[in-house]
Amino acid sequence: MGERIPTRQLAAISLLAATAAATRIGVNWAAFAVPIPVYGVVVKIGLTETLTFVSGFVFGPIQGFITGALAIIVSDLLTWPGIWTLIIAGIIGLLGVCAGLFRRAGQNPRTIYLGIAAVVLTLISEALQNIYTAWFYLVSGMPLTAALIMAFGGGIAPMVTAIINNTVLFTLVAPRIIAIIRRMVISKPKGKLGGGNSE
């Protein structure tokens, strides 16, 4: 618990967070160029949640949280920062924590497992983001019922987009990145893949 994160692991986490942030910045700027109704759908396309999941799954809950939160904070600072930055950073960081807990079910997840994880974690993430949006409407003076309808009703298309995006990336991209990171960062000197990761 009091151990420092190994240098190679820290470098991998930094790379994952930086890649997620850079991708998110690009997607955000692309979303700014489309009509407002489509913005919420476009911003759900990207690698942030996939790379956060990978970090948590390979290294553990704390590292997963750091990766997700850092990706959101860095990308928002370079696009559109606000109070929402910390809220979303916490939500995506929580996804990384869940990934660290999910990996206890098996070190080499099957495609169906990753697909289920993608759907479940995306639903949790989107629900929490919609709750925050409803709260934002509420403090702006909107009645509770209207705030919930606006937040969750308006969040259906973005949620579907996020589920599709994450399911595809979790099942097709995540396994390859997990394998690469394990070989580069936590493989044993004799060529054995490391089963135990420091958390």
Protein backbone atom coordinates (compact mmCIF):
# COMPACT_ATOMS: atom_id res chain seq x y z
CA MET A 1 0.00 0.00 0.00
CA GLY A 2 2.87 2.32 0.80
CA GLU A 3 4.83 1.14 -2.26
CA ARG A 4 5.71 3.54 -5.03
CA ILE A 5 4.45 2.85 -8.54
CA PRO A 6 7.29 1.22 -10.53
CA THR A 7 8.87 3.44 -13.18
CA ARG A 8 7.80 1.34 -16.17
CA GLN A 9 4.26 1.14 -14.83
CA LEU A 10 4.17 4.91 -14.28
CA ALA A 11 5.38 5.45 -17.86
CA ALA A 12 2.64 3.14 -19.19
CA ILE A 13 -0.05 4.91 -17.15
CA SER A 14 1.20 8.29 -18.40
CA LEU A 15 1.14 7.05 -21.99
CA LEU A 16 -2.40 5.68 -21.64
CA ALA A 17 -3.64 8.91 -20.02
CA ALA A 18 -1.89 11.09 -22.61
CA THR A 19 -3.29 9.05 -25.52
CA ALA A 20 -6.78 9.17 -24.04
CA ALA A 21 -6.50 12.93 -23.45
CA ALA A 22 -5.17 13.64 -26.96
CA THR A 23 -7.94 11.57 -28.55
CA ARG A 24 -10.57 13.26 -26.41
CA ILE A 25 -9.26 16.72 -27.33
CA GLY A 26 -9.51 15.85 -31.03
CA VAL A 27 -13.03 14.49 -30.63
CA ASN A 28 -14.08 17.55 -28.59
CA TRP A 29 -12.85 19.95 -31.25
CA ALA A 30 -14.63 17.92 -33.93
CA ALA A 31 -17.80 17.99 -31.80
CA PHE A 32 -17.57 21.79 -31.49
CA ALA A 33 -17.88 21.98 -35.29
CA VAL A 34 -21.19 20.11 -35.50
CA PRO A 35 -24.72 21.33 -34.63
CA ILE A 36 -25.51 21.37 -30.89
CA PRO A 37 -28.00 18.45 -30.99
CA VAL A 38 -25.26 16.18 -32.41
CA TYR A 39 -22.52 17.38 -30.03
CA GLY A 40 -23.52 15.05 -27.19
CA VAL A 41 -23.34 12.05 -29.53
CA VAL A 42 -19.98 12.92 -31.13
CA VAL A 43 -18.20 13.41 -27.79
CA LYS A 44 -19.04 9.82 -26.82
CA ILE A 45 -16.72 8.49 -29.53
CA GLY A 46 -13.15 7.90 -28.37
CA LEU A 47 -10.63 5.89 -26.39
CA THR A 48 -10.86 7.45 -22.93
CA GLU A 49 -12.99 4.81 -21.22
CA THR A 50 -11.26 1.94 -23.05
CA LEU A 51 -7.76 3.03 -22.01
CA THR A 52 -8.97 3.73 -18.48
CA PHE A 53 -10.36 0.19 -18.35
CA VAL A 54 -7.08 -1.22 -19.67
CA SER A 55 -5.07 0.62 -17.01
CA GLY A 56 -7.32 -0.52 -14.19
CA PHE A 57 -7.47 -4.08 -15.48
CA VAL A 58 -3.70 -4.44 -15.89
CA PHE A 59 -2.38 -2.41 -12.96
CA GLY A 60 -5.21 -2.17 -10.42
CA PRO A 61 -7.98 0.16 -9.16
CA ILE A 62 -5.78 3.07 -8.03
CA GLN A 63 -3.86 3.22 -11.29
CA GLY A 64 -7.13 2.91 -13.22
CA PHE A 65 -8.59 5.86 -11.34
CA ILE A 66 -5.47 7.96 -11.95
CA THR A 67 -5.50 7.21 -15.68
CA GLY A 68 -9.17 8.08 -16.17
CA ALA A 69 -9.18 11.19 -14.01
CA LEU A 70 -5.94 12.49 -15.51
CA ALA A 71 -7.19 12.00 -19.07
CA ILE A 72 -10.32 14.06 -18.35
CA ILE A 73 -8.55 16.83 -16.45
CA VAL A 74 -5.79 17.29 -19.04
CA SER A 75 -8.15 17.21 -22.02
CA ASP A 76 -10.63 19.61 -20.39
CA LEU A 77 -7.87 22.07 -19.46
CA LEU A 78 -7.01 22.26 -23.16
CA THR A 79 -10.61 22.54 -24.36
CA TRP A 80 -13.42 23.58 -22.02
CA PRO A 81 -12.66 23.38 -18.27
CA GLY A 82 -15.26 23.94 -15.55
CA ILE A 83 -16.73 22.45 -12.40
CA TRP A 84 -17.92 19.55 -14.57
CA THR A 85 -14.26 18.63 -15.19
CA LEU A 86 -13.81 17.30 -11.65
CA ILE A 87 -17.20 15.55 -11.72
CA ILE A 88 -16.52 13.76 -15.01
CA ALA A 89 -12.93 13.01 -13.94
CA GLY A 90 -14.28 11.29 -10.83
CA ILE A 91 -16.84 9.31 -12.84
CA ILE A 92 -14.31 8.08 -15.44
CA GLY A 93 -11.81 7.40 -12.65
CA LEU A 94 -14.46 5.23 -11.01
CA LEU A 95 -14.64 3.21 -14.22
CA GLY A 96 -10.91 2.53 -13.81
CA VAL A 97 -11.49 1.41 -10.22
CA CYS A 98 -14.22 -1.00 -11.37
CA ALA A 99 -11.87 -2.38 -14.04
CA GLY A 100 -9.30 -3.12 -11.34
CA LEU A 101 -11.94 -5.05 -9.41
CA PHE A 102 -13.27 -6.83 -12.53
CA ARG A 103 -9.87 -8.29 -13.36
CA ARG A 104 -10.06 -10.44 -10.24
CA ALA A 105 -12.52 -12.60 -12.17
CA GLY A 106 -9.75 -13.62 -14.57
CA GLN A 107 -6.44 -12.41 -15.95
CA ASN A 108 -7.28 -13.32 -19.56
CA PRO A 109 -10.85 -12.13 -20.16
CA ARG A 110 -12.96 -13.58 -22.96
CA THR A 111 -14.60 -11.38 -25.55
CA ILE A 112 -18.05 -11.91 -24.02
CA TYR A 113 -16.70 -10.85 -20.62
CA LEU A 114 -15.22 -7.66 -22.09
CA GLY A 115 -18.47 -6.96 -23.93
CA ILE A 116 -20.51 -7.30 -20.74
CA ALA A 117 -17.99 -5.14 -18.85
CA ALA A 118 -18.28 -2.47 -21.57
CA VAL A 119 -22.08 -2.35 -21.38
CA VAL A 120 -22.27 -2.41 -17.56
CA LEU A 121 -19.53 0.19 -16.99
CA THR A 122 -20.87 2.46 -19.73
CA LEU A 123 -24.38 2.35 -18.27
CA ILE A 124 -22.99 3.25 -14.83
CA SER A 125 -20.86 6.06 -16.27
CA GLU A 126 -23.68 7.50 -18.37
CA ALA A 127 -26.21 7.26 -15.54
CA LEU A 128 -23.88 9.17 -13.20
CA GLN A 129 -23.24 11.81 -15.86
CA ASN A 130 -27.00 12.19 -16.42
CA ILE A 131 -27.55 12.57 -12.67
CA TYR A 132 -24.97 15.36 -12.66
CA THR A 133 -26.69 17.00 -15.65
CA ALA A 134 -30.06 16.76 -13.88
CA TRP A 135 -28.52 18.37 -10.79
CA PHE A 136 -27.10 21.16 -12.99
CA TYR A 137 -30.58 21.81 -14.42
CA LEU A 138 -32.05 21.67 -10.93
CA VAL A 139 -29.76 24.34 -9.47
CA SER A 140 -30.47 26.45 -12.56
CA GLY A 141 -34.09 26.64 -11.43
CA MET A 142 -35.69 23.82 -13.42
CA PRO A 143 -38.28 21.64 -11.60
CA LEU A 144 -37.04 18.19 -10.58
CA THR A 145 -39.25 16.21 -12.97
CA ALA A 146 -38.32 18.41 -15.92
CA ALA A 147 -34.63 18.23 -14.98
CA LEU A 148 -34.70 14.42 -14.91
CA ILE A 149 -36.60 14.20 -18.20
CA MET A 150 -34.18 16.63 -19.88
CA ALA A 151 -31.09 14.87 -18.54
CA PHE A 152 -32.08 11.24 -19.06
CA GLY A 153 -34.26 11.80 -22.13
CA GLY A 154 -31.62 13.89 -23.84
CA GLY A 155 -28.99 11.37 -22.78
CA ILE A 156 -30.46 8.38 -24.64
CA ALA A 157 -28.68 8.94 -27.97
CA PRO A 158 -25.31 9.72 -26.32
CA MET A 159 -25.69 6.64 -24.09
CA VAL A 160 -26.40 4.36 -27.06
CA THR A 161 -23.40 5.83 -28.90
CA ALA A 162 -21.16 5.33 -25.86
CA ILE A 163 -22.31 1.71 -25.44
CA ILE A 164 -21.60 0.90 -29.10
CA ASN A 165 -18.25 2.71 -29.04
CA ASN A 166 -17.08 1.07 -25.82
CA THR A 167 -18.33 -2.41 -26.69
CA VAL A 168 -16.44 -2.37 -30.00
CA LEU A 169 -13.25 -0.98 -28.46
CA PHE A 170 -13.36 -3.12 -25.30
CA THR A 171 -13.73 -6.32 -27.33
CA LEU A 172 -11.47 -5.54 -30.32
CA VAL A 173 -8.86 -3.08 -29.08
CA ALA A 174 -8.53 -3.56 -25.31
CA PRO A 175 -7.26 -7.19 -25.43
CA ARG A 176 -4.40 -6.22 -27.76
CA ILE A 177 -3.39 -3.23 -25.63
CA ILE A 178 -3.58 -5.35 -22.46
CA ALA A 179 -1.28 -7.96 -24.04
CA ILE A 180 1.20 -5.32 -25.24
CA ILE A 181 1.37 -3.58 -21.87
CA ARG A 182 1.82 -6.85 -20.02
CA ARG A 183 4.74 -7.78 -22.29
CA MET A 184 6.37 -4.36 -22.03
CA VAL A 185 5.75 -3.52 -18.38
CA ILE A 186 5.09 -6.51 -16.17
CA SER A 187 6.53 -9.53 -17.98
CA LYS A 188 9.05 -11.61 -16.07
CA PRO A 189 12.72 -11.61 -17.17
CA LYS A 190 12.43 -15.25 -18.36
CA GLY A 191 9.62 -14.36 -20.74
CA LYS A 192 6.68 -15.40 -18.54
CA LEU A 193 3.75 -13.06 -18.51
CA GLY A 194 3.28 -11.52 -15.10
CA GLY A 195 0.13 -12.71 -13.43
CA GLY A 196 0.44 -10.63 -10.28
CA ASN A 197 0.34 -6.89 -10.76
CA SER A 198 1.22 -4.38 -8.13
CA GLU A 199 -1.73 -2.30 -7.05
